[in-house]
Amino acid sequence: MKLLKKPIFSLYKLTIDPKNQQAFLAEGVNNLITSYQNESGTLMMVATHEDEAGSVNYIFEMYQDDASYQIHAASPQFQHYAKLAQKVVQSKEIHKLSLERLHTSNQPLEIKGENPYFVRLLEVTVNHNNVKFLKNISKNTVANLVSSVDSNY
């Protein structure tokens, strides 16, 4: 993926009651897949959960630019997902991230449904000069991203 400028990159941490997990998952999957397929400015959408019950959820989103994010925010699938989220999300954290490094293969990657892949979130605090060290942490991965919390938000 060739990017000429830093994309819009966000991490959402959403806590829900596990009894709502199936409905939340179904709406989330529809939102992610439909958005990725229909919105050319949607570069990445990844969802995972911290615990087996699915009560603590993480969503990573990356958009080419703000206009692409606005297209997504106005989309029917996101509006439908947002209605459910308003009902079932108990707590929400939003982190605007500043992409420092993105490494992927040259092949497009699209994964749907159950799969053997997983997302690891490693949160560390390092001196800006040591960010280069993080480049070598993820060996044998499909993709890895290094970002910092964007202080402009």
Protein backbone atom coordinates (compact mmCIF):
# COMPACT_ATOMS: atom_id res chain seq x y z
CA MET A 1 0.00 0.00 0.00
CA LYS A 2 1.48 3.34 -1.02
CA LEU A 3 0.36 6.30 1.07
CA LEU A 4 1.37 9.83 0.18
CA LYS A 5 0.22 11.31 3.49
CA LYS A 6 -0.70 9.98 6.92
CA PRO A 7 -4.13 8.41 6.96
CA ILE A 8 -6.85 8.86 9.57
CA PHE A 9 -6.12 6.04 12.03
CA SER A 10 -8.21 5.30 15.12
CA LEU A 11 -8.52 2.71 17.86
CA TYR A 12 -11.86 2.24 19.59
CA LYS A 13 -12.19 0.28 22.82
CA LEU A 14 -15.84 -0.61 23.38
CA THR A 15 -17.16 -2.46 26.41
CA ILE A 16 -20.50 -4.25 26.13
CA ASP A 17 -22.55 -6.67 28.16
CA PRO A 18 -21.69 -10.19 26.89
CA LYS A 19 -25.41 -10.91 26.38
CA ASN A 20 -25.31 -8.40 23.48
CA GLN A 21 -22.16 -9.85 21.91
CA GLN A 22 -23.82 -11.81 19.08
CA ALA A 23 -25.91 -8.86 17.85
CA PHE A 24 -22.94 -6.51 18.24
CA LEU A 25 -20.70 -8.90 16.33
CA ALA A 26 -23.18 -9.38 13.48
CA GLU A 27 -23.68 -5.64 13.00
CA GLY A 28 -19.97 -5.00 13.32
CA VAL A 29 -19.03 -7.61 10.71
CA ASN A 30 -21.63 -6.22 8.29
CA ASN A 31 -20.31 -2.68 8.83
CA LEU A 32 -16.67 -3.67 8.37
CA ILE A 33 -17.13 -5.85 5.30
CA THR A 34 -19.60 -3.54 3.54
CA SER A 35 -17.45 -0.49 4.23
CA TYR A 36 -14.26 -2.11 3.03
CA GLN A 37 -15.94 -3.38 -0.16
CA ASN A 38 -17.85 -0.20 -1.03
CA GLU A 39 -15.69 2.67 0.21
CA SER A 40 -12.42 3.07 -1.66
CA GLY A 41 -11.06 5.41 1.01
CA THR A 42 -11.55 2.81 3.74
CA LEU A 43 -8.07 1.33 3.93
CA MET A 44 -8.42 -1.01 6.92
CA MET A 45 -10.99 -2.18 9.43
CA VAL A 46 -10.06 -4.78 12.05
CA ALA A 47 -12.08 -5.94 15.04
CA THR A 48 -11.07 -8.20 17.88
CA HIS A 49 -11.92 -8.74 21.52
CA GLU A 50 -9.91 -9.04 24.68
CA ASP A 51 -11.86 -11.71 26.50
CA GLU A 52 -13.65 -14.92 25.57
CA ALA A 53 -17.09 -13.44 26.34
CA GLY A 54 -16.47 -10.54 23.95
CA SER A 55 -17.23 -7.83 26.46
CA VAL A 56 -14.09 -5.76 25.74
CA ASN A 57 -13.79 -5.05 22.01
CA TYR A 58 -11.15 -3.25 19.95
CA ILE A 59 -11.76 -1.78 16.53
CA PHE A 60 -8.96 -0.37 14.39
CA GLU A 61 -9.99 1.83 11.46
CA MET A 62 -7.86 3.51 8.83
CA TYR A 63 -9.12 5.94 6.19
CA GLN A 64 -7.25 7.61 3.36
CA ASP A 65 -8.32 11.06 4.55
CA ASP A 66 -11.06 12.92 6.42
CA ALA A 67 -13.34 12.97 3.36
CA SER A 68 -13.15 9.15 3.26
CA TYR A 69 -14.01 8.96 6.95
CA GLN A 70 -17.03 11.25 6.40
CA ILE A 71 -18.26 8.96 3.60
CA HIS A 72 -18.04 6.03 6.00
CA ALA A 73 -19.76 7.91 8.85
CA ALA A 74 -22.70 8.74 6.55
CA SER A 75 -23.02 5.21 5.12
CA PRO A 76 -26.20 3.17 5.76
CA GLN A 77 -24.30 0.24 7.26
CA PHE A 78 -22.48 2.47 9.75
CA GLN A 79 -25.68 4.29 10.70
CA HIS A 80 -27.35 0.93 11.39
CA TYR A 81 -24.34 -0.22 13.45
CA ALA A 82 -24.25 3.09 15.36
CA LYS A 83 -27.90 2.69 16.40
CA LEU A 84 -27.16 -0.68 17.96
CA ALA A 85 -23.93 0.59 19.52
CA GLN A 86 -25.81 3.42 21.25
CA LYS A 87 -27.96 0.80 22.96
CA VAL A 88 -25.34 -1.80 23.91
CA VAL A 89 -22.01 -0.01 24.44
CA GLN A 90 -21.43 0.55 28.16
CA SER A 91 -18.14 2.41 27.86
CA LYS A 92 -16.09 3.77 24.99
CA GLU A 93 -12.54 5.01 24.54
CA ILE A 94 -11.41 6.58 21.28
CA HIS A 95 -7.73 6.99 20.50
CA LYS A 96 -6.67 8.94 17.43
CA LEU A 97 -3.36 7.45 16.36
CA SER A 98 -0.54 8.81 14.26
CA LEU A 99 0.78 6.10 11.96
CA GLU A 100 4.55 5.85 12.19
CA ARG A 101 5.05 2.63 10.25
CA LEU A 102 2.89 0.26 8.24
CA HIS A 103 4.20 -3.02 6.92
CA THR A 104 2.08 -5.33 4.79
CA SER A 105 2.66 -7.75 1.97
CA ASN A 106 2.07 -6.52 -1.57
CA GLN A 107 -0.97 -8.76 -1.87
CA PRO A 108 -4.41 -7.47 -0.86
CA LEU A 109 -5.61 -9.12 2.33
CA GLU A 110 -9.28 -9.71 2.98
CA ILE A 111 -10.36 -12.01 5.77
CA LYS A 112 -14.00 -12.77 6.51
CA GLY A 113 -15.62 -14.89 9.17
CA GLU A 114 -13.88 -17.20 11.60
CA ASN A 115 -10.16 -17.54 10.94
CA PRO A 116 -6.93 -18.53 12.69
CA TYR A 117 -5.55 -14.98 12.72
CA PHE A 118 -5.43 -12.76 15.75
CA VAL A 119 -4.55 -9.18 16.55
CA ARG A 120 -2.00 -8.38 19.22
CA LEU A 121 -2.15 -5.00 20.81
CA LEU A 122 1.11 -4.05 22.46
CA GLU A 123 0.91 -0.72 24.20
CA VAL A 124 4.27 0.72 25.18
CA THR A 125 5.71 4.10 25.93
CA VAL A 126 9.03 4.84 24.29
CA ASN A 127 11.17 7.84 23.55
CA HIS A 128 10.48 9.04 20.00
CA ASN A 129 14.07 8.18 19.06
CA ASN A 130 13.44 4.53 19.96
CA VAL A 131 10.48 4.02 17.62
CA LYS A 132 12.89 2.38 15.14
CA PHE A 133 13.31 -0.43 17.66
CA LEU A 134 9.64 -1.34 17.24
CA LYS A 135 10.14 -2.11 13.56
CA ASN A 136 11.75 -5.44 14.44
CA ILE A 137 9.30 -6.63 17.09
CA SER A 138 6.79 -8.34 14.76
CA LYS A 139 8.40 -11.12 12.79
CA ASN A 140 6.28 -13.48 10.65
CA THR A 141 3.22 -11.26 10.69
CA VAL A 142 0.78 -10.50 7.89
CA ALA A 143 0.84 -6.82 8.79
CA ASN A 144 2.19 -4.67 11.54
CA LEU A 145 1.62 -1.08 12.46
CA VAL A 146 3.49 1.25 14.72
CA SER A 147 1.67 4.36 15.80
CA SER A 148 1.66 6.98 18.45
CA VAL A 149 -1.19 8.77 20.11
CA ASP A 150 -1.75 11.88 18.03
CA SER A 151 -1.40 14.89 20.30
CA ASN A 152 -3.29 17.05 17.79
CA TYR A 153 -6.63 15.48 18.86
